[in-house]
N, C-alpha and C. Protein backbone atom coordinates (compact mmCIF):
# COMPACT_ATOMS: atom_id res chain seq x y z
N UNK A 1 21.89 1.13 -0.35
CA UNK A 1 21.21 2.38 -0.69
C UNK A 1 22.17 3.57 -0.39
N UNK A 2 22.15 4.53 -1.32
CA UNK A 2 22.99 5.73 -1.22
C UNK A 2 22.40 6.77 -0.25
N UNK A 3 22.25 6.37 0.99
CA UNK A 3 21.54 7.25 1.93
C UNK A 3 22.17 8.63 2.11
N UNK A 4 23.51 8.64 2.33
CA UNK A 4 24.19 9.92 2.59
C UNK A 4 24.12 10.85 1.35
N UNK A 5 24.28 10.26 0.17
CA UNK A 5 24.16 11.08 -1.08
C UNK A 5 22.79 11.65 -1.19
N UNK A 6 21.79 10.82 -1.02
CA UNK A 6 20.34 11.31 -1.13
C UNK A 6 20.10 12.44 -0.18
N UNK A 7 20.51 12.26 1.06
CA UNK A 7 20.30 13.30 2.07
C UNK A 7 21.02 14.64 1.67
N UNK A 8 22.32 14.48 1.34
CA UNK A 8 23.09 15.65 0.95
C UNK A 8 22.49 16.38 -0.25
N UNK A 9 22.18 15.60 -1.30
CA UNK A 9 21.61 16.23 -2.52
C UNK A 9 20.27 16.88 -2.23
N UNK A 10 19.49 16.18 -1.46
CA UNK A 10 18.13 16.71 -1.16
C UNK A 10 18.24 18.04 -0.41
N UNK A 11 19.15 18.12 0.56
CA UNK A 11 19.33 19.33 1.30
C UNK A 11 19.80 20.49 0.34
N UNK A 12 20.75 20.20 -0.47
CA UNK A 12 21.29 21.26 -1.41
C UNK A 12 20.19 21.73 -2.34
N UNK A 13 19.44 20.77 -2.88
CA UNK A 13 18.42 21.19 -3.89
C UNK A 13 17.27 21.90 -3.25
N UNK A 14 16.88 21.50 -2.09
CA UNK A 14 15.73 22.11 -1.37
C UNK A 14 16.08 23.57 -1.03
N UNK A 15 17.31 23.78 -0.64
CA UNK A 15 17.76 25.17 -0.33
C UNK A 15 17.65 25.98 -1.62
N UNK A 16 18.06 25.45 -2.72
CA UNK A 16 18.08 26.20 -3.97
C UNK A 16 16.61 26.51 -4.39
N UNK A 17 15.70 25.64 -4.08
CA UNK A 17 14.30 25.81 -4.50
C UNK A 17 13.48 26.54 -3.48
N UNK A 18 14.06 26.86 -2.36
CA UNK A 18 13.32 27.57 -1.28
C UNK A 18 12.43 26.70 -0.54
N UNK A 19 12.62 25.38 -0.56
CA UNK A 19 11.79 24.48 0.21
C UNK A 19 11.31 23.27 -0.66
N UNK A 20 10.37 22.59 -0.08
CA UNK A 20 9.82 21.38 -0.77
C UNK A 20 8.42 21.66 -1.27
N UNK A 21 8.22 21.52 -2.52
CA UNK A 21 6.87 21.82 -3.09
C UNK A 21 5.86 20.73 -2.68
N UNK A 22 4.60 21.15 -2.58
CA UNK A 22 3.55 20.13 -2.34
C UNK A 22 3.43 19.29 -3.64
N UNK A 23 2.93 18.07 -3.47
CA UNK A 23 2.71 17.21 -4.63
C UNK A 23 1.76 17.88 -5.68
N UNK A 24 2.15 17.73 -6.91
CA UNK A 24 1.33 18.34 -7.98
C UNK A 24 -0.04 17.58 -8.03
N UNK A 25 -1.08 18.35 -8.35
CA UNK A 25 -2.38 17.74 -8.55
C UNK A 25 -2.40 17.14 -9.94
N UNK A 26 -2.87 15.95 -10.03
CA UNK A 26 -2.76 15.13 -11.30
C UNK A 26 -4.03 14.94 -12.04
N UNK A 27 -5.17 15.55 -11.60
CA UNK A 27 -6.44 15.26 -12.31
C UNK A 27 -6.37 15.64 -13.73
N UNK A 28 -5.84 16.85 -14.06
CA UNK A 28 -5.82 17.29 -15.48
C UNK A 28 -4.76 16.42 -16.27
N UNK A 29 -3.68 16.10 -15.63
CA UNK A 29 -2.68 15.23 -16.26
C UNK A 29 -3.30 13.89 -16.62
N UNK A 30 -4.05 13.35 -15.75
CA UNK A 30 -4.68 12.04 -16.00
C UNK A 30 -5.67 12.09 -17.20
N UNK A 31 -6.39 13.20 -17.23
CA UNK A 31 -7.32 13.33 -18.41
C UNK A 31 -6.51 13.41 -19.72
N UNK A 32 -5.46 14.11 -19.71
CA UNK A 32 -4.62 14.20 -20.91
C UNK A 32 -3.99 12.85 -21.25
N UNK A 33 -3.56 12.10 -20.23
CA UNK A 33 -2.99 10.80 -20.50
C UNK A 33 -4.04 9.85 -21.08
N UNK A 34 -5.24 9.92 -20.58
CA UNK A 34 -6.32 9.03 -21.08
C UNK A 34 -6.59 9.29 -22.58
N UNK A 35 -6.38 10.55 -22.97
CA UNK A 35 -6.53 10.91 -24.36
C UNK A 35 -5.26 10.71 -25.21
N UNK A 36 -4.21 10.17 -24.52
CA UNK A 36 -2.88 10.01 -25.14
C UNK A 36 -2.33 11.32 -25.66
N UNK A 37 -2.67 12.39 -24.96
CA UNK A 37 -2.20 13.72 -25.34
C UNK A 37 -0.94 14.01 -24.58
N UNK A 38 0.14 13.43 -25.04
CA UNK A 38 1.42 13.53 -24.33
C UNK A 38 2.03 14.95 -24.48
N UNK A 39 1.71 15.65 -25.56
CA UNK A 39 2.16 16.99 -25.74
C UNK A 39 1.46 17.86 -24.70
N UNK A 40 0.16 17.65 -24.51
CA UNK A 40 -0.57 18.38 -23.47
C UNK A 40 -0.02 18.17 -22.11
N UNK A 41 0.37 16.91 -21.87
CA UNK A 41 0.96 16.57 -20.53
C UNK A 41 2.28 17.39 -20.33
N UNK A 42 3.05 17.47 -21.41
CA UNK A 42 4.35 18.16 -21.27
C UNK A 42 4.11 19.65 -21.01
N UNK A 43 3.09 20.19 -21.74
CA UNK A 43 2.77 21.65 -21.50
C UNK A 43 2.29 21.86 -20.09
N UNK A 44 1.52 20.97 -19.56
CA UNK A 44 0.95 21.11 -18.21
C UNK A 44 2.07 21.12 -17.21
N UNK A 45 3.02 20.22 -17.38
CA UNK A 45 4.17 20.14 -16.42
C UNK A 45 5.06 21.36 -16.55
N UNK A 46 5.25 21.84 -17.81
CA UNK A 46 6.05 23.04 -18.01
C UNK A 46 5.43 24.24 -17.29
N UNK A 47 4.11 24.39 -17.34
CA UNK A 47 3.44 25.48 -16.65
C UNK A 47 3.55 25.30 -15.15
N UNK A 48 3.40 24.09 -14.68
CA UNK A 48 3.48 23.84 -13.22
C UNK A 48 4.84 24.27 -12.69
N UNK A 49 5.93 24.12 -13.50
CA UNK A 49 7.27 24.45 -13.09
C UNK A 49 7.61 25.89 -13.38
N UNK A 50 6.73 26.61 -13.98
CA UNK A 50 6.98 28.04 -14.25
C UNK A 50 8.05 28.26 -15.32
N UNK A 51 8.15 27.29 -16.22
CA UNK A 51 9.16 27.41 -17.32
C UNK A 51 8.52 28.18 -18.52
N UNK A 52 9.14 29.21 -18.93
CA UNK A 52 8.56 30.08 -20.02
C UNK A 52 9.25 29.84 -21.32
N UNK A 53 10.17 28.96 -21.43
CA UNK A 53 10.87 28.64 -22.72
C UNK A 53 9.96 27.80 -23.59
N UNK A 54 10.43 27.58 -24.85
CA UNK A 54 9.65 26.80 -25.79
C UNK A 54 10.05 25.32 -25.67
N UNK A 55 9.05 24.42 -25.72
CA UNK A 55 9.29 23.03 -25.61
C UNK A 55 8.78 22.29 -26.85
N UNK A 56 9.56 21.50 -27.46
CA UNK A 56 9.18 20.71 -28.61
C UNK A 56 9.17 19.23 -28.23
N UNK A 57 8.10 18.50 -28.55
CA UNK A 57 8.08 17.10 -28.19
C UNK A 57 8.24 16.28 -29.53
N UNK A 58 9.22 15.35 -29.48
CA UNK A 58 9.50 14.56 -30.65
C UNK A 58 9.23 13.06 -30.29
N UNK A 59 8.37 12.40 -31.04
CA UNK A 59 8.08 10.98 -30.83
C UNK A 59 8.99 10.17 -31.76
N UNK A 60 9.74 9.29 -31.21
CA UNK A 60 10.74 8.55 -31.98
C UNK A 60 10.61 7.05 -31.80
N UNK A 61 11.12 6.31 -32.87
CA UNK A 61 11.17 4.87 -32.82
C UNK A 61 12.56 4.38 -32.41
N UNK A 62 13.55 5.16 -32.59
CA UNK A 62 14.96 4.75 -32.32
C UNK A 62 15.81 5.91 -32.00
N UNK A 63 17.09 5.66 -31.73
CA UNK A 63 18.05 6.68 -31.48
C UNK A 63 18.09 7.00 -29.97
N UNK A 64 18.90 7.92 -29.66
CA UNK A 64 19.06 8.35 -28.26
C UNK A 64 19.88 7.43 -27.40
N UNK A 65 20.02 7.73 -26.09
CA UNK A 65 20.73 6.86 -25.21
C UNK A 65 20.11 5.43 -25.13
N UNK A 66 20.93 4.41 -25.07
CA UNK A 66 20.42 3.02 -25.02
C UNK A 66 19.45 2.84 -23.84
N UNK A 67 18.31 2.25 -24.11
CA UNK A 67 17.32 1.91 -23.10
C UNK A 67 16.66 3.08 -22.42
N UNK A 68 16.93 4.29 -22.85
CA UNK A 68 16.33 5.44 -22.25
C UNK A 68 14.93 5.67 -22.87
N UNK A 69 13.83 5.70 -22.07
CA UNK A 69 12.56 5.95 -22.65
C UNK A 69 12.29 7.35 -23.09
N UNK A 70 13.10 8.29 -22.53
CA UNK A 70 12.98 9.71 -22.94
C UNK A 70 14.34 10.38 -22.73
N UNK A 71 14.55 11.43 -23.45
CA UNK A 71 15.78 12.25 -23.25
C UNK A 71 15.51 13.67 -23.76
N UNK A 72 16.39 14.56 -23.47
CA UNK A 72 16.21 15.97 -23.78
C UNK A 72 17.39 16.53 -24.51
N UNK A 73 17.18 17.46 -25.36
CA UNK A 73 18.18 18.18 -26.07
C UNK A 73 18.00 19.66 -25.77
N UNK A 74 19.03 20.30 -25.15
CA UNK A 74 19.00 21.66 -24.80
C UNK A 74 20.29 22.38 -25.17
N UNK A 75 20.40 23.70 -25.17
CA UNK A 75 21.65 24.37 -25.52
C UNK A 75 22.72 24.02 -24.51
N UNK A 76 23.96 23.90 -25.01
CA UNK A 76 25.11 23.54 -24.14
C UNK A 76 25.16 24.46 -22.91
N UNK A 77 24.87 25.74 -23.16
CA UNK A 77 24.77 26.71 -22.04
C UNK A 77 23.38 27.25 -22.01
N UNK A 78 22.62 26.84 -21.06
CA UNK A 78 21.26 27.28 -20.91
C UNK A 78 21.17 28.70 -20.40
N UNK A 79 20.45 29.58 -21.02
CA UNK A 79 20.21 30.94 -20.48
C UNK A 79 19.67 30.89 -19.09
N UNK A 80 19.88 31.91 -18.27
CA UNK A 80 19.44 31.96 -16.95
C UNK A 80 17.96 32.01 -16.91
N UNK A 81 17.38 31.34 -15.92
CA UNK A 81 15.89 31.23 -15.74
C UNK A 81 15.31 32.66 -15.65
N UNK A 82 14.24 32.86 -16.43
CA UNK A 82 13.49 34.17 -16.32
C UNK A 82 14.01 35.25 -17.19
N UNK A 83 15.12 35.09 -17.87
CA UNK A 83 15.65 36.16 -18.73
C UNK A 83 14.99 36.13 -20.09
N UNK A 84 15.09 37.20 -20.87
CA UNK A 84 14.51 37.21 -22.22
C UNK A 84 15.09 36.10 -23.07
N UNK A 85 16.39 35.81 -22.89
CA UNK A 85 17.10 34.77 -23.67
C UNK A 85 16.47 33.38 -23.32
N UNK A 86 16.17 33.21 -22.02
CA UNK A 86 15.53 31.97 -21.63
C UNK A 86 14.19 31.74 -22.34
N UNK A 87 13.39 32.81 -22.37
CA UNK A 87 12.13 32.68 -23.02
C UNK A 87 12.19 32.42 -24.48
N UNK A 88 13.30 32.78 -25.12
CA UNK A 88 13.46 32.52 -26.51
C UNK A 88 14.12 31.18 -26.82
N UNK A 89 14.52 30.45 -25.78
CA UNK A 89 15.16 29.18 -25.96
C UNK A 89 14.18 28.09 -26.28
N UNK A 90 14.58 27.11 -27.09
CA UNK A 90 13.81 25.96 -27.41
C UNK A 90 14.54 24.71 -26.95
N UNK A 91 13.85 23.83 -26.23
CA UNK A 91 14.35 22.52 -25.87
C UNK A 91 13.48 21.43 -26.53
N UNK A 92 14.05 20.32 -26.78
CA UNK A 92 13.32 19.19 -27.38
C UNK A 92 13.36 17.98 -26.48
N UNK A 93 12.22 17.47 -26.14
CA UNK A 93 12.12 16.23 -25.34
C UNK A 93 11.71 15.10 -26.31
N UNK A 94 12.48 14.05 -26.27
CA UNK A 94 12.27 12.91 -27.18
C UNK A 94 11.62 11.79 -26.34
N UNK A 95 10.52 11.24 -26.85
CA UNK A 95 9.80 10.16 -26.16
C UNK A 95 9.72 8.97 -27.11
N UNK A 96 10.08 7.85 -26.62
CA UNK A 96 10.03 6.62 -27.50
C UNK A 96 8.54 6.17 -27.62
N UNK A 97 8.15 5.84 -28.83
CA UNK A 97 6.81 5.36 -29.10
C UNK A 97 6.51 4.08 -28.37
N UNK A 98 7.50 3.16 -28.32
CA UNK A 98 7.28 1.87 -27.64
C UNK A 98 7.02 2.09 -26.15
N UNK A 99 7.74 3.02 -25.53
CA UNK A 99 7.57 3.35 -24.16
C UNK A 99 6.14 3.87 -23.91
N UNK A 100 5.74 4.86 -24.71
CA UNK A 100 4.42 5.45 -24.50
C UNK A 100 3.28 4.42 -24.76
N UNK A 101 3.52 3.45 -25.55
CA UNK A 101 2.45 2.47 -25.87
C UNK A 101 2.13 1.62 -24.64
N UNK A 102 3.06 1.38 -23.80
CA UNK A 102 2.94 0.45 -22.69
C UNK A 102 2.93 1.14 -21.30
N UNK A 103 3.59 2.29 -21.16
CA UNK A 103 3.83 2.88 -19.86
C UNK A 103 2.56 3.37 -19.21
N UNK A 104 2.35 3.06 -17.94
CA UNK A 104 1.17 3.65 -17.21
C UNK A 104 1.34 5.15 -16.88
N UNK A 105 0.29 5.71 -16.41
CA UNK A 105 0.24 7.17 -16.22
C UNK A 105 1.44 7.70 -15.44
N UNK A 106 1.69 7.17 -14.22
CA UNK A 106 2.67 7.72 -13.36
C UNK A 106 4.12 7.60 -13.97
N UNK A 107 4.32 6.56 -14.74
CA UNK A 107 5.65 6.40 -15.35
C UNK A 107 5.86 7.45 -16.46
N UNK A 108 4.83 7.81 -17.18
CA UNK A 108 5.00 8.88 -18.20
C UNK A 108 5.25 10.19 -17.50
N UNK A 109 4.49 10.49 -16.39
CA UNK A 109 4.74 11.68 -15.69
C UNK A 109 6.20 11.70 -15.14
N UNK A 110 6.65 10.58 -14.60
CA UNK A 110 7.99 10.47 -14.10
C UNK A 110 8.98 10.90 -15.17
N UNK A 111 8.81 10.25 -16.41
CA UNK A 111 9.79 10.55 -17.49
C UNK A 111 9.76 12.01 -17.89
N UNK A 112 8.63 12.63 -18.03
CA UNK A 112 8.51 14.04 -18.42
C UNK A 112 9.09 14.95 -17.29
N UNK A 113 8.79 14.63 -16.06
CA UNK A 113 9.26 15.46 -14.96
C UNK A 113 10.77 15.43 -14.87
N UNK A 114 11.34 14.24 -15.09
CA UNK A 114 12.79 14.15 -15.07
C UNK A 114 13.47 15.04 -16.12
N UNK A 115 12.91 15.04 -17.34
CA UNK A 115 13.50 15.81 -18.39
C UNK A 115 13.35 17.31 -18.13
N UNK A 116 12.23 17.68 -17.59
CA UNK A 116 12.02 19.15 -17.25
C UNK A 116 12.92 19.55 -16.09
N UNK A 117 13.20 18.60 -15.23
CA UNK A 117 14.12 18.89 -14.09
C UNK A 117 15.52 19.24 -14.58
N UNK A 118 15.87 18.64 -15.67
CA UNK A 118 17.17 19.00 -16.35
C UNK A 118 17.18 20.44 -16.66
N UNK A 119 16.06 20.93 -17.22
CA UNK A 119 15.96 22.36 -17.66
C UNK A 119 16.07 23.28 -16.46
N UNK A 120 15.36 22.90 -15.36
CA UNK A 120 15.40 23.69 -14.14
C UNK A 120 16.82 23.86 -13.63
N UNK A 121 17.50 22.72 -13.45
CA UNK A 121 18.85 22.78 -12.88
C UNK A 121 19.82 23.51 -13.75
N UNK A 122 19.69 23.30 -15.12
CA UNK A 122 20.56 24.03 -16.06
C UNK A 122 20.30 25.51 -16.00
N UNK A 123 18.99 25.90 -15.87
CA UNK A 123 18.67 27.34 -15.87
C UNK A 123 19.06 28.06 -14.68
N UNK A 124 19.19 27.39 -13.57
CA UNK A 124 19.65 28.06 -12.34
C UNK A 124 21.14 27.79 -12.05
N UNK A 125 21.80 27.14 -13.07
CA UNK A 125 23.24 26.87 -12.96
C UNK A 125 23.60 26.20 -11.68
N UNK A 126 22.80 25.15 -11.34
CA UNK A 126 23.01 24.45 -10.07
C UNK A 126 24.29 23.52 -10.17
N UNK A 127 25.10 23.53 -9.16
CA UNK A 127 26.34 22.67 -9.19
C UNK A 127 26.02 21.21 -9.52
N UNK A 128 24.87 20.70 -9.18
CA UNK A 128 24.52 19.33 -9.42
C UNK A 128 23.84 19.02 -10.73
N UNK A 129 23.82 20.07 -11.65
CA UNK A 129 22.96 19.93 -12.88
C UNK A 129 23.31 18.80 -13.74
N UNK A 130 24.51 18.28 -13.73
CA UNK A 130 24.95 17.13 -14.61
C UNK A 130 24.77 15.78 -13.90
N UNK A 131 24.33 15.79 -12.69
CA UNK A 131 24.21 14.53 -11.96
C UNK A 131 22.80 14.02 -12.04
N UNK A 132 22.62 12.81 -12.70
CA UNK A 132 21.31 12.33 -12.95
C UNK A 132 20.54 11.96 -11.68
N UNK A 133 21.27 11.52 -10.61
CA UNK A 133 20.52 11.24 -9.38
C UNK A 133 19.98 12.57 -8.80
N UNK A 134 20.73 13.65 -8.88
CA UNK A 134 20.25 14.95 -8.46
C UNK A 134 19.01 15.39 -9.30
N UNK A 135 19.06 15.09 -10.54
CA UNK A 135 17.93 15.49 -11.41
C UNK A 135 16.65 14.75 -10.96
N UNK A 136 16.75 13.51 -10.69
CA UNK A 136 15.57 12.79 -10.14
C UNK A 136 15.08 13.34 -8.84
N UNK A 137 16.01 13.67 -7.97
CA UNK A 137 15.62 14.26 -6.64
C UNK A 137 15.05 15.64 -6.82
N UNK A 138 15.50 16.38 -7.83
CA UNK A 138 14.96 17.72 -8.11
C UNK A 138 13.46 17.57 -8.58
N UNK A 139 13.21 16.65 -9.48
CA UNK A 139 11.85 16.43 -9.94
C UNK A 139 10.92 16.04 -8.76
N UNK A 140 11.44 15.24 -7.85
CA UNK A 140 10.61 14.84 -6.71
C UNK A 140 10.39 16.10 -5.81
N UNK A 141 11.37 16.84 -5.59
CA UNK A 141 11.22 18.08 -4.75
C UNK A 141 10.25 19.09 -5.36
N UNK A 142 10.20 19.07 -6.65
CA UNK A 142 9.36 20.07 -7.35
C UNK A 142 7.91 19.64 -7.50
N UNK A 143 7.60 18.51 -6.83
CA UNK A 143 6.13 18.16 -6.73
C UNK A 143 5.79 16.82 -7.39
N UNK A 144 6.72 16.05 -7.89
CA UNK A 144 6.37 14.82 -8.62
C UNK A 144 6.83 13.51 -7.89
N UNK A 145 6.97 13.64 -6.56
CA UNK A 145 7.41 12.43 -5.83
C UNK A 145 6.37 11.36 -5.82
N UNK A 146 5.08 11.69 -5.82
CA UNK A 146 4.06 10.64 -5.82
C UNK A 146 4.14 9.77 -7.09
N UNK A 147 4.32 10.49 -8.21
CA UNK A 147 4.46 9.72 -9.51
C UNK A 147 5.79 8.93 -9.51
N UNK A 148 6.79 9.52 -8.85
CA UNK A 148 8.09 8.77 -8.79
C UNK A 148 7.87 7.44 -8.02
N UNK A 149 7.17 7.55 -6.91
CA UNK A 149 6.94 6.32 -6.08
C UNK A 149 6.07 5.34 -6.81
N UNK A 150 5.00 5.83 -7.48
CA UNK A 150 4.11 4.94 -8.16
C UNK A 150 4.51 4.45 -9.47
N UNK A 151 5.44 5.18 -10.16
CA UNK A 151 5.78 4.91 -11.51
C UNK A 151 7.18 4.40 -11.78
N UNK A 152 8.00 4.21 -10.71
CA UNK A 152 9.35 3.77 -10.97
C UNK A 152 9.47 2.38 -11.55
N UNK A 153 8.47 1.52 -11.30
CA UNK A 153 8.44 0.19 -11.89
C UNK A 153 7.30 0.17 -12.89
N UNK A 154 7.53 -0.37 -14.07
CA UNK A 154 6.52 -0.35 -15.08
C UNK A 154 6.64 -1.61 -15.99
N UNK A 155 5.58 -2.06 -16.57
CA UNK A 155 5.67 -3.24 -17.46
C UNK A 155 6.36 -2.96 -18.77
N UNK A 156 7.31 -3.87 -19.13
CA UNK A 156 8.04 -3.77 -20.35
C UNK A 156 7.78 -5.04 -21.12
N UNK A 157 7.44 -4.91 -22.40
CA UNK A 157 7.16 -6.08 -23.24
C UNK A 157 8.49 -6.89 -23.47
N UNK A 158 8.40 -8.21 -23.19
CA UNK A 158 9.59 -9.00 -23.42
C UNK A 158 9.91 -9.15 -24.86
N UNK A 159 11.16 -9.37 -25.17
CA UNK A 159 11.61 -9.66 -26.54
C UNK A 159 11.00 -10.96 -26.93
N UNK A 160 10.55 -10.99 -28.26
CA UNK A 160 9.94 -12.18 -28.77
C UNK A 160 11.02 -13.32 -28.94
N UNK A 161 10.70 -14.56 -28.56
CA UNK A 161 11.72 -15.64 -28.77
C UNK A 161 11.96 -15.84 -30.28
N UNK A 162 13.13 -16.28 -30.58
CA UNK A 162 13.50 -16.60 -31.93
C UNK A 162 12.55 -17.59 -32.57
N UNK A 163 12.21 -17.50 -33.84
CA UNK A 163 11.38 -18.49 -34.49
C UNK A 163 12.16 -19.79 -34.68
N UNK A 164 11.45 -20.92 -34.63
CA UNK A 164 12.12 -22.24 -34.83
C UNK A 164 12.80 -22.24 -36.24
N UNK A 165 13.99 -22.78 -36.28
CA UNK A 165 14.80 -22.74 -37.49
C UNK A 165 14.62 -24.02 -38.35
N UNK A 166 14.16 -25.08 -37.69
CA UNK A 166 14.02 -26.37 -38.47
C UNK A 166 12.76 -27.13 -37.97
N UNK A 167 12.54 -28.30 -38.58
CA UNK A 167 11.38 -29.09 -38.25
C UNK A 167 11.38 -29.51 -36.80
N UNK A 168 12.52 -29.95 -36.27
CA UNK A 168 12.63 -30.48 -34.90
C UNK A 168 12.31 -29.34 -33.90
N UNK A 169 12.83 -28.20 -34.14
CA UNK A 169 12.52 -27.05 -33.24
C UNK A 169 11.09 -26.68 -33.29
N UNK A 170 10.48 -26.78 -34.48
CA UNK A 170 9.07 -26.41 -34.65
C UNK A 170 8.21 -27.33 -33.79
N UNK A 171 8.49 -28.68 -33.90
CA UNK A 171 7.77 -29.68 -33.11
C UNK A 171 7.94 -29.44 -31.64
N UNK A 172 9.18 -29.23 -31.17
CA UNK A 172 9.42 -29.05 -29.78
C UNK A 172 8.71 -27.78 -29.26
N UNK A 173 8.73 -26.72 -30.08
CA UNK A 173 8.02 -25.51 -29.67
C UNK A 173 6.53 -25.74 -29.54
N UNK A 174 5.98 -26.50 -30.50
CA UNK A 174 4.49 -26.79 -30.43
C UNK A 174 4.17 -27.63 -29.22
N UNK A 175 5.00 -28.62 -28.94
CA UNK A 175 4.74 -29.51 -27.80
C UNK A 175 4.85 -28.71 -26.50
N UNK A 176 5.78 -27.80 -26.43
CA UNK A 176 5.96 -26.94 -25.27
C UNK A 176 4.71 -26.13 -25.00
N UNK A 177 4.09 -25.60 -26.07
CA UNK A 177 2.94 -24.77 -25.89
C UNK A 177 1.73 -25.64 -25.44
N UNK A 178 1.72 -26.90 -25.91
CA UNK A 178 0.57 -27.75 -25.60
C UNK A 178 0.62 -28.16 -24.09
N UNK A 179 1.86 -28.47 -23.59
CA UNK A 179 1.99 -28.98 -22.27
C UNK A 179 2.18 -27.91 -21.14
N UNK A 180 2.34 -26.70 -21.59
CA UNK A 180 2.44 -25.66 -20.62
C UNK A 180 1.12 -25.50 -19.92
N UNK A 181 1.12 -25.26 -18.62
CA UNK A 181 -0.15 -25.09 -17.89
C UNK A 181 -0.77 -23.71 -18.16
N UNK A 182 0.14 -22.74 -18.37
CA UNK A 182 -0.34 -21.35 -18.57
C UNK A 182 0.60 -20.67 -19.54
N UNK A 183 0.06 -19.68 -20.26
CA UNK A 183 0.85 -18.82 -21.15
C UNK A 183 1.84 -17.97 -20.28
N UNK A 184 3.08 -17.98 -20.73
CA UNK A 184 4.04 -17.11 -19.99
C UNK A 184 3.71 -15.62 -20.20
N UNK A 185 4.02 -14.83 -19.23
CA UNK A 185 3.71 -13.39 -19.32
C UNK A 185 4.48 -12.81 -20.45
N UNK A 186 3.87 -11.89 -21.18
CA UNK A 186 4.55 -11.17 -22.27
C UNK A 186 5.30 -9.96 -21.72
N UNK A 187 5.18 -9.68 -20.42
CA UNK A 187 5.79 -8.50 -19.84
C UNK A 187 6.76 -8.83 -18.69
N UNK A 188 7.67 -7.98 -18.47
CA UNK A 188 8.53 -8.05 -17.27
C UNK A 188 8.58 -6.60 -16.68
N UNK A 189 9.01 -6.52 -15.46
CA UNK A 189 9.08 -5.19 -14.84
C UNK A 189 10.34 -4.44 -15.15
N UNK A 190 10.14 -3.26 -15.62
CA UNK A 190 11.32 -2.37 -15.91
C UNK A 190 11.47 -1.30 -14.90
N UNK A 191 12.59 -0.73 -14.78
CA UNK A 191 12.91 0.32 -13.81
C UNK A 191 13.26 1.59 -14.58
N UNK A 192 12.68 2.73 -14.20
CA UNK A 192 12.98 4.00 -14.84
C UNK A 192 13.69 4.89 -13.85
N UNK A 193 14.57 5.71 -14.41
CA UNK A 193 15.25 6.67 -13.57
C UNK A 193 16.58 6.15 -13.06
N UNK A 194 17.20 6.98 -12.15
CA UNK A 194 18.53 6.67 -11.66
C UNK A 194 18.61 6.42 -10.16
N UNK A 195 17.42 6.33 -9.57
CA UNK A 195 17.30 5.91 -8.15
C UNK A 195 16.55 4.56 -8.17
N UNK A 196 16.95 3.72 -7.19
CA UNK A 196 16.24 2.47 -6.96
C UNK A 196 14.87 2.80 -6.37
N UNK A 197 13.91 1.85 -6.46
CA UNK A 197 12.66 2.05 -5.80
C UNK A 197 12.83 2.29 -4.28
N UNK A 198 13.72 1.60 -3.66
CA UNK A 198 13.96 1.82 -2.26
C UNK A 198 14.47 3.26 -1.99
N UNK A 199 15.34 3.75 -2.87
CA UNK A 199 15.87 5.08 -2.67
C UNK A 199 14.87 6.14 -2.88
N UNK A 200 13.94 5.88 -3.85
CA UNK A 200 12.82 6.86 -4.09
C UNK A 200 11.95 6.91 -2.87
N UNK A 201 11.58 5.78 -2.29
CA UNK A 201 10.77 5.79 -1.12
C UNK A 201 11.43 6.51 0.02
N UNK A 202 12.68 6.30 0.20
CA UNK A 202 13.47 6.99 1.28
C UNK A 202 13.48 8.51 0.98
N UNK A 203 13.80 8.91 -0.23
CA UNK A 203 13.86 10.33 -0.53
C UNK A 203 12.49 10.97 -0.35
N UNK A 204 11.39 10.28 -0.79
CA UNK A 204 10.11 10.88 -0.64
C UNK A 204 9.74 11.11 0.90
N UNK A 205 10.17 10.17 1.73
CA UNK A 205 9.93 10.32 3.18
C UNK A 205 10.68 11.51 3.70
N UNK A 206 11.92 11.68 3.27
CA UNK A 206 12.73 12.85 3.67
C UNK A 206 12.02 14.12 3.29
N UNK A 207 11.51 14.21 2.08
CA UNK A 207 10.85 15.40 1.60
C UNK A 207 9.58 15.71 2.27
N UNK A 208 8.85 14.64 2.70
CA UNK A 208 7.61 14.88 3.43
C UNK A 208 7.90 15.50 4.80
N UNK A 209 9.06 15.12 5.37
CA UNK A 209 9.48 15.68 6.63
C UNK A 209 9.98 17.15 6.41
N UNK A 210 10.49 17.34 5.19
CA UNK A 210 10.89 18.68 4.82
C UNK A 210 12.20 19.23 5.36
N UNK A 211 12.94 18.41 6.11
CA UNK A 211 14.23 18.85 6.70
C UNK A 211 13.98 20.14 7.49
N UNK A 212 12.83 20.43 7.98
CA UNK A 212 12.58 21.63 8.73
C UNK A 212 12.28 22.84 7.88
N UNK A 213 12.29 22.67 6.52
CA UNK A 213 11.87 23.83 5.68
C UNK A 213 10.41 23.78 5.39
N UNK A 214 9.81 24.93 5.24
CA UNK A 214 8.38 24.98 4.91
C UNK A 214 8.11 24.49 3.51
N UNK A 215 6.96 23.91 3.33
CA UNK A 215 6.55 23.50 2.01
C UNK A 215 6.30 24.73 1.16
N UNK A 216 6.53 24.64 -0.17
CA UNK A 216 6.35 25.74 -1.08
C UNK A 216 5.28 25.39 -2.05
N UNK A 217 4.20 26.09 -2.14
CA UNK A 217 3.09 25.82 -3.02
C UNK A 217 3.45 26.23 -4.45
C-alpha cells in the first residue's frame, strides 16, 4: 500500500480545499440513479462542488482510454475557478453505455466524482492536477469517500466464450453444460479508479480523522 504517498497527497489537497468536507448526502442522487438520469446525477454533483462551468455528458459505446468506464475532455489550460472565463468553459464527460448498464449506484457516483475532481484540480492549478491518485483523493476529500468505499468494486460482465467451431466442440460444450452442477457466474468483480480498495479504506480513515483540520460543510 502507498501509505506515505496517500498521507502526503491528502495533506496537500486538504490544505488547498480548506479542510475535509462532510460526506455528500446521496438521497437525491439515488433517486436520479433509479430513474437512470445520469445527466441529472452529473448536474447534482457539479452543484455540490460549486462548479459554474458548462458540462456536457456524452454516452458512448467505444473510444477513449482502454478499460476506462468514464473520462473527461477539458481545455488544455483550464481558466481559473470562479472567473468569467471559467463560467464560459465547457467540459465533456464521456460515460460508457456498457458500464452504466451494469454499474451500481456508488460506482456511478465514484466515476462522476473522479471526473469532476479533474476539473477542480485543473481550475485551482494544483501541482498534483495530473496525478490520477491525487484526483481520486481529491474526490474523496470533497465529500465522496463513502461512495468510493462502497463502489470501488463492481460487477463486470464476463466476455462470452467462443462458439464451438465443429461438431466435436459442440458435443463437448453440450455435455459440459449437462454435467455442471451450477451455471457459472456471468460476472466478475472489476476495480474502478487508481487506488486499491485497501488504499481507499485507509484514505477514508485519514480523512475522517481530518489531520487536525476542521470539517468543511
